[in-house]
Amino acid sequence: MKKDQYKVSEVVAMNTKRQGLIVWFKNRRNIKQIKRHGHLIYTSKKLKYAVLYVNQDALDDVMHQLNKMPFVTKVTASYKPFVRTSFDKVKPEIERKDTYNMHI
């Protein structure tokens, strides 16, 4: 499929704002139920948490639904969409003077 052949719905779906959720749970056997609420990216066996991506429009609803589940201990939202990643001013590098002499 060429670039010009994308459907309108596919282009809109690619530009949706998404945000990560970190879901802390008690047992790994409930991951399938967590997976139903968004796009599951990663699960940790040892620390018992999962990283889930959700549309920002539905973020509050999904967090509320996950917190109501008995096996979920805590749900936190990622701050990545709100962190500024473009830096306008860059500090110039300090010119290094030769601080050592070889004294040969």
N, C-alpha and C. Protein backbone atom coordinates (compact mmCIF):
# COMPACT_ATOMS: atom_id res chain seq x y z
N MET A 1 0.83 -1.16 0.00
CA MET A 1 0.00 0.00 0.00
C MET A 1 0.89 1.24 0.00
N LYS A 2 0.65 2.17 -0.89
CA LYS A 2 1.44 3.38 -0.97
C LYS A 2 0.95 4.40 0.04
N LYS A 3 1.74 5.46 0.24
CA LYS A 3 1.38 6.49 1.20
C LYS A 3 0.04 7.14 0.88
N ASP A 4 -0.23 7.36 -0.37
CA ASP A 4 -1.44 8.07 -0.77
C ASP A 4 -2.69 7.22 -0.66
N GLN A 5 -2.55 5.93 -0.45
CA GLN A 5 -3.69 5.03 -0.44
C GLN A 5 -4.26 4.77 0.95
N TYR A 6 -3.79 5.49 1.98
CA TYR A 6 -4.32 5.29 3.33
C TYR A 6 -5.77 5.76 3.39
N LYS A 7 -6.55 5.05 4.15
CA LYS A 7 -7.93 5.46 4.37
C LYS A 7 -7.93 6.59 5.40
N VAL A 8 -9.00 7.36 5.42
CA VAL A 8 -9.10 8.47 6.36
C VAL A 8 -9.11 7.96 7.79
N SER A 9 -9.77 6.86 8.07
CA SER A 9 -9.84 6.33 9.43
C SER A 9 -8.47 5.88 9.92
N GLU A 10 -7.62 5.36 9.04
CA GLU A 10 -6.28 4.93 9.44
C GLU A 10 -5.42 6.12 9.80
N VAL A 11 -5.54 7.20 9.06
CA VAL A 11 -4.74 8.39 9.34
C VAL A 11 -5.15 9.01 10.66
N VAL A 12 -6.44 9.07 10.93
CA VAL A 12 -6.92 9.61 12.19
C VAL A 12 -6.46 8.75 13.35
N ALA A 13 -6.47 7.43 13.18
CA ALA A 13 -6.08 6.52 14.25
C ALA A 13 -4.59 6.66 14.57
N MET A 14 -3.79 7.03 13.58
CA MET A 14 -2.36 7.15 13.83
C MET A 14 -2.03 8.42 14.62
N ASN A 15 -2.90 9.42 14.60
CA ASN A 15 -2.62 10.68 15.27
C ASN A 15 -3.31 10.82 16.61
N THR A 16 -3.85 9.77 17.18
CA THR A 16 -4.52 9.87 18.47
C THR A 16 -3.48 10.04 19.57
N LYS A 17 -3.82 10.82 20.56
CA LYS A 17 -2.95 11.04 21.70
C LYS A 17 -3.10 9.87 22.66
N ARG A 18 -1.96 9.27 23.01
CA ARG A 18 -1.98 8.12 23.90
C ARG A 18 -1.12 8.40 25.11
N GLN A 19 -1.42 7.71 26.18
CA GLN A 19 -0.68 7.90 27.42
C GLN A 19 -0.49 6.55 28.09
N GLY A 20 0.63 6.39 28.74
CA GLY A 20 0.94 5.14 29.41
C GLY A 20 0.34 5.05 30.80
N LEU A 21 -0.05 3.86 31.18
CA LEU A 21 -0.51 3.57 32.53
C LEU A 21 0.36 2.47 33.11
N ILE A 22 0.73 2.63 34.36
CA ILE A 22 1.45 1.58 35.07
C ILE A 22 0.47 0.97 36.05
N VAL A 23 0.19 -0.31 35.88
CA VAL A 23 -0.80 -1.01 36.70
C VAL A 23 -0.07 -2.01 37.58
N TRP A 24 -0.18 -1.83 38.88
CA TRP A 24 0.42 -2.75 39.85
C TRP A 24 -0.64 -3.77 40.25
N PHE A 25 -0.30 -5.06 40.21
CA PHE A 25 -1.27 -6.11 40.49
C PHE A 25 -0.72 -7.10 41.48
N LYS A 26 -1.60 -7.97 41.99
CA LYS A 26 -1.22 -8.97 42.98
C LYS A 26 -0.79 -10.28 42.35
N ASN A 27 -1.50 -10.74 41.31
CA ASN A 27 -1.20 -12.02 40.66
C ASN A 27 -1.07 -11.84 39.16
N ARG A 28 -0.17 -12.58 38.56
CA ARG A 28 0.04 -12.50 37.11
C ARG A 28 -1.09 -13.13 36.31
N ARG A 29 -1.86 -13.98 36.92
CA ARG A 29 -2.91 -14.67 36.17
C ARG A 29 -4.02 -13.72 35.72
N ASN A 30 -4.06 -12.50 36.23
CA ASN A 30 -5.08 -11.53 35.86
C ASN A 30 -4.64 -10.57 34.76
N ILE A 31 -3.52 -10.83 34.12
CA ILE A 31 -3.01 -9.96 33.07
C ILE A 31 -3.98 -9.91 31.89
N LYS A 32 -4.66 -11.01 31.62
CA LYS A 32 -5.60 -11.06 30.49
C LYS A 32 -6.72 -10.03 30.68
N GLN A 33 -7.17 -9.85 31.91
CA GLN A 33 -8.22 -8.86 32.18
C GLN A 33 -7.69 -7.44 32.04
N ILE A 34 -6.44 -7.21 32.42
CA ILE A 34 -5.82 -5.89 32.28
C ILE A 34 -5.64 -5.57 30.80
N LYS A 35 -5.30 -6.57 30.02
CA LYS A 35 -5.05 -6.40 28.59
C LYS A 35 -6.28 -5.88 27.84
N ARG A 36 -7.46 -6.15 28.34
CA ARG A 36 -8.70 -5.74 27.68
C ARG A 36 -8.91 -4.22 27.70
N HIS A 37 -8.22 -3.51 28.57
CA HIS A 37 -8.44 -2.08 28.74
C HIS A 37 -7.53 -1.21 27.88
N GLY A 38 -6.55 -1.77 27.22
CA GLY A 38 -5.66 -0.99 26.38
C GLY A 38 -4.63 -1.87 25.71
N HIS A 39 -3.58 -1.23 25.21
CA HIS A 39 -2.51 -1.93 24.50
C HIS A 39 -1.42 -2.30 25.50
N LEU A 40 -1.29 -3.57 25.81
CA LEU A 40 -0.31 -4.04 26.79
C LEU A 40 1.07 -4.06 26.16
N ILE A 41 2.03 -3.37 26.78
CA ILE A 41 3.38 -3.27 26.26
C ILE A 41 4.34 -4.20 27.00
N TYR A 42 4.28 -4.20 28.33
CA TYR A 42 5.27 -4.92 29.12
C TYR A 42 4.65 -5.37 30.44
N THR A 43 5.06 -6.53 30.91
CA THR A 43 4.70 -6.99 32.26
C THR A 43 5.96 -7.47 32.96
N SER A 44 6.05 -7.16 34.23
CA SER A 44 7.19 -7.58 35.04
C SER A 44 6.75 -8.71 35.96
N LYS A 45 7.46 -9.82 35.89
CA LYS A 45 7.13 -10.95 36.75
C LYS A 45 7.52 -10.66 38.20
N LYS A 46 8.70 -10.13 38.37
CA LYS A 46 9.24 -9.96 39.71
C LYS A 46 8.56 -8.82 40.48
N LEU A 47 8.39 -7.67 39.82
CA LEU A 47 7.83 -6.51 40.51
C LEU A 47 6.31 -6.41 40.40
N LYS A 48 5.70 -7.28 39.59
CA LYS A 48 4.25 -7.37 39.45
C LYS A 48 3.61 -6.06 39.01
N TYR A 49 4.03 -5.59 37.85
CA TYR A 49 3.37 -4.43 37.25
C TYR A 49 3.30 -4.61 35.75
N ALA A 50 2.41 -3.84 35.11
CA ALA A 50 2.24 -3.89 33.67
C ALA A 50 2.20 -2.47 33.13
N VAL A 51 2.74 -2.29 31.92
CA VAL A 51 2.69 -1.00 31.23
C VAL A 51 1.65 -1.13 30.13
N LEU A 52 0.72 -0.21 30.13
CA LEU A 52 -0.44 -0.27 29.25
C LEU A 52 -0.61 1.09 28.59
N TYR A 53 -0.86 1.13 27.28
CA TYR A 53 -1.12 2.39 26.59
C TYR A 53 -2.61 2.53 26.31
N VAL A 54 -3.14 3.74 26.57
CA VAL A 54 -4.56 4.02 26.47
C VAL A 54 -4.72 5.39 25.78
N ASN A 55 -5.83 5.60 25.06
CA ASN A 55 -6.13 6.91 24.51
C ASN A 55 -6.34 7.90 25.66
N GLN A 56 -5.85 9.14 25.46
CA GLN A 56 -5.98 10.13 26.53
C GLN A 56 -7.44 10.50 26.80
N ASP A 57 -8.30 10.35 25.80
CA ASP A 57 -9.72 10.66 26.00
C ASP A 57 -10.35 9.73 27.04
N ALA A 58 -9.95 8.49 27.04
CA ALA A 58 -10.54 7.48 27.92
C ALA A 58 -9.68 7.19 29.15
N LEU A 59 -8.69 8.01 29.41
CA LEU A 59 -7.73 7.72 30.47
C LEU A 59 -8.38 7.64 31.85
N ASP A 60 -9.21 8.62 32.19
CA ASP A 60 -9.83 8.64 33.52
C ASP A 60 -10.77 7.46 33.71
N ASP A 61 -11.53 7.12 32.68
CA ASP A 61 -12.46 5.99 32.78
C ASP A 61 -11.71 4.68 32.98
N VAL A 62 -10.65 4.49 32.23
CA VAL A 62 -9.87 3.25 32.33
C VAL A 62 -9.19 3.16 33.69
N MET A 63 -8.65 4.28 34.18
CA MET A 63 -8.02 4.26 35.50
C MET A 63 -9.04 3.90 36.59
N HIS A 64 -10.23 4.45 36.47
CA HIS A 64 -11.28 4.16 37.45
C HIS A 64 -11.69 2.68 37.39
N GLN A 65 -11.84 2.14 36.17
CA GLN A 65 -12.22 0.73 36.02
C GLN A 65 -11.14 -0.19 36.56
N LEU A 66 -9.87 0.14 36.29
CA LEU A 66 -8.78 -0.71 36.78
C LEU A 66 -8.65 -0.65 38.30
N ASN A 67 -8.85 0.52 38.88
CA ASN A 67 -8.77 0.65 40.34
C ASN A 67 -9.88 -0.13 41.05
N LYS A 68 -11.01 -0.33 40.39
CA LYS A 68 -12.11 -1.08 41.00
C LYS A 68 -11.85 -2.57 41.03
N MET A 69 -10.93 -3.07 40.23
CA MET A 69 -10.65 -4.51 40.19
C MET A 69 -9.96 -4.95 41.49
N PRO A 70 -10.35 -6.10 42.03
CA PRO A 70 -9.81 -6.52 43.33
C PRO A 70 -8.33 -6.90 43.31
N PHE A 71 -7.81 -7.31 42.17
CA PHE A 71 -6.41 -7.74 42.11
C PHE A 71 -5.45 -6.61 41.79
N VAL A 72 -5.94 -5.41 41.51
CA VAL A 72 -5.08 -4.26 41.21
C VAL A 72 -4.82 -3.50 42.49
N THR A 73 -3.53 -3.24 42.77
CA THR A 73 -3.19 -2.50 43.98
C THR A 73 -3.07 -1.01 43.73
N LYS A 74 -2.54 -0.62 42.56
CA LYS A 74 -2.34 0.80 42.29
C LYS A 74 -2.26 1.03 40.78
N VAL A 75 -2.76 2.17 40.32
CA VAL A 75 -2.68 2.57 38.91
C VAL A 75 -2.12 3.98 38.86
N THR A 76 -1.03 4.16 38.11
CA THR A 76 -0.45 5.50 37.96
C THR A 76 -0.33 5.82 36.48
N ALA A 77 -0.52 7.10 36.16
CA ALA A 77 -0.42 7.56 34.77
C ALA A 77 0.99 8.05 34.50
N SER A 78 1.44 7.87 33.29
CA SER A 78 2.76 8.33 32.87
C SER A 78 2.73 9.83 32.63
N TYR A 79 3.83 10.51 32.95
CA TYR A 79 3.93 11.95 32.74
C TYR A 79 4.62 12.31 31.44
N LYS A 80 4.94 11.32 30.63
CA LYS A 80 5.70 11.58 29.41
C LYS A 80 5.04 12.57 28.45
N PRO A 81 3.70 12.52 28.23
CA PRO A 81 3.12 13.49 27.29
C PRO A 81 3.24 14.95 27.77
N PHE A 82 3.47 15.16 29.05
CA PHE A 82 3.50 16.51 29.59
C PHE A 82 4.92 17.04 29.78
N VAL A 83 5.92 16.22 29.53
CA VAL A 83 7.30 16.63 29.68
C VAL A 83 7.75 17.29 28.38
N ARG A 84 8.34 18.47 28.51
CA ARG A 84 8.80 19.19 27.33
C ARG A 84 10.06 18.52 26.81
N THR A 85 10.05 18.18 25.52
CA THR A 85 11.20 17.49 24.94
C THR A 85 11.94 18.33 23.92
N SER A 86 11.45 19.54 23.62
CA SER A 86 12.18 20.41 22.69
C SER A 86 12.92 21.46 23.50
N PHE A 87 14.20 21.56 23.28
CA PHE A 87 15.04 22.48 24.01
C PHE A 87 15.56 23.54 23.06
N ASP A 88 15.20 24.80 23.31
CA ASP A 88 15.54 25.89 22.41
C ASP A 88 16.98 26.36 22.61
N LYS A 89 17.30 26.67 23.84
CA LYS A 89 18.63 27.19 24.12
C LYS A 89 19.53 26.07 24.64
N VAL A 90 20.66 25.98 24.05
CA VAL A 90 21.64 25.00 24.49
C VAL A 90 22.83 25.79 25.01
N LYS A 91 23.29 25.45 26.19
CA LYS A 91 24.42 26.16 26.74
C LYS A 91 25.66 25.85 25.92
N PRO A 92 26.43 26.89 25.58
CA PRO A 92 27.65 26.63 24.81
C PRO A 92 28.67 25.89 25.67
N GLU A 93 29.44 25.07 25.01
CA GLU A 93 30.45 24.33 25.75
C GLU A 93 31.53 25.28 26.25
N ILE A 94 31.98 25.04 27.43
CA ILE A 94 33.04 25.87 28.01
C ILE A 94 34.36 25.46 27.37
N GLU A 95 35.08 26.47 26.95
CA GLU A 95 36.37 26.18 26.31
C GLU A 95 37.33 25.67 27.37
N ARG A 96 37.90 24.53 27.08
CA ARG A 96 38.84 23.95 28.04
C ARG A 96 40.23 24.47 27.76
N LYS A 97 40.84 24.93 28.80
CA LYS A 97 42.24 25.32 28.71
C LYS A 97 43.06 24.12 29.13
N ASP A 98 44.21 24.02 28.58
CA ASP A 98 45.08 22.92 28.99
C ASP A 98 45.47 23.13 30.43
N THR A 99 44.98 22.30 31.28
CA THR A 99 45.23 22.47 32.72
C THR A 99 46.45 21.70 33.19
N TYR A 100 47.06 21.01 32.30
CA TYR A 100 48.22 20.23 32.72
C TYR A 100 49.36 20.52 31.75
N ASN A 101 50.54 20.46 32.27
CA ASN A 101 51.75 20.57 31.47
C ASN A 101 52.52 19.28 31.63
N MET A 102 53.19 18.89 30.58
CA MET A 102 53.88 17.61 30.65
C MET A 102 55.23 17.73 31.32
N HIS A 103 55.79 18.90 31.50
CA HIS A 103 57.09 19.13 32.19
C HIS A 103 58.15 18.11 31.78
N ILE A 104 58.44 18.11 30.55
CA ILE A 104 59.46 17.17 30.08
C ILE A 104 60.82 17.83 30.12
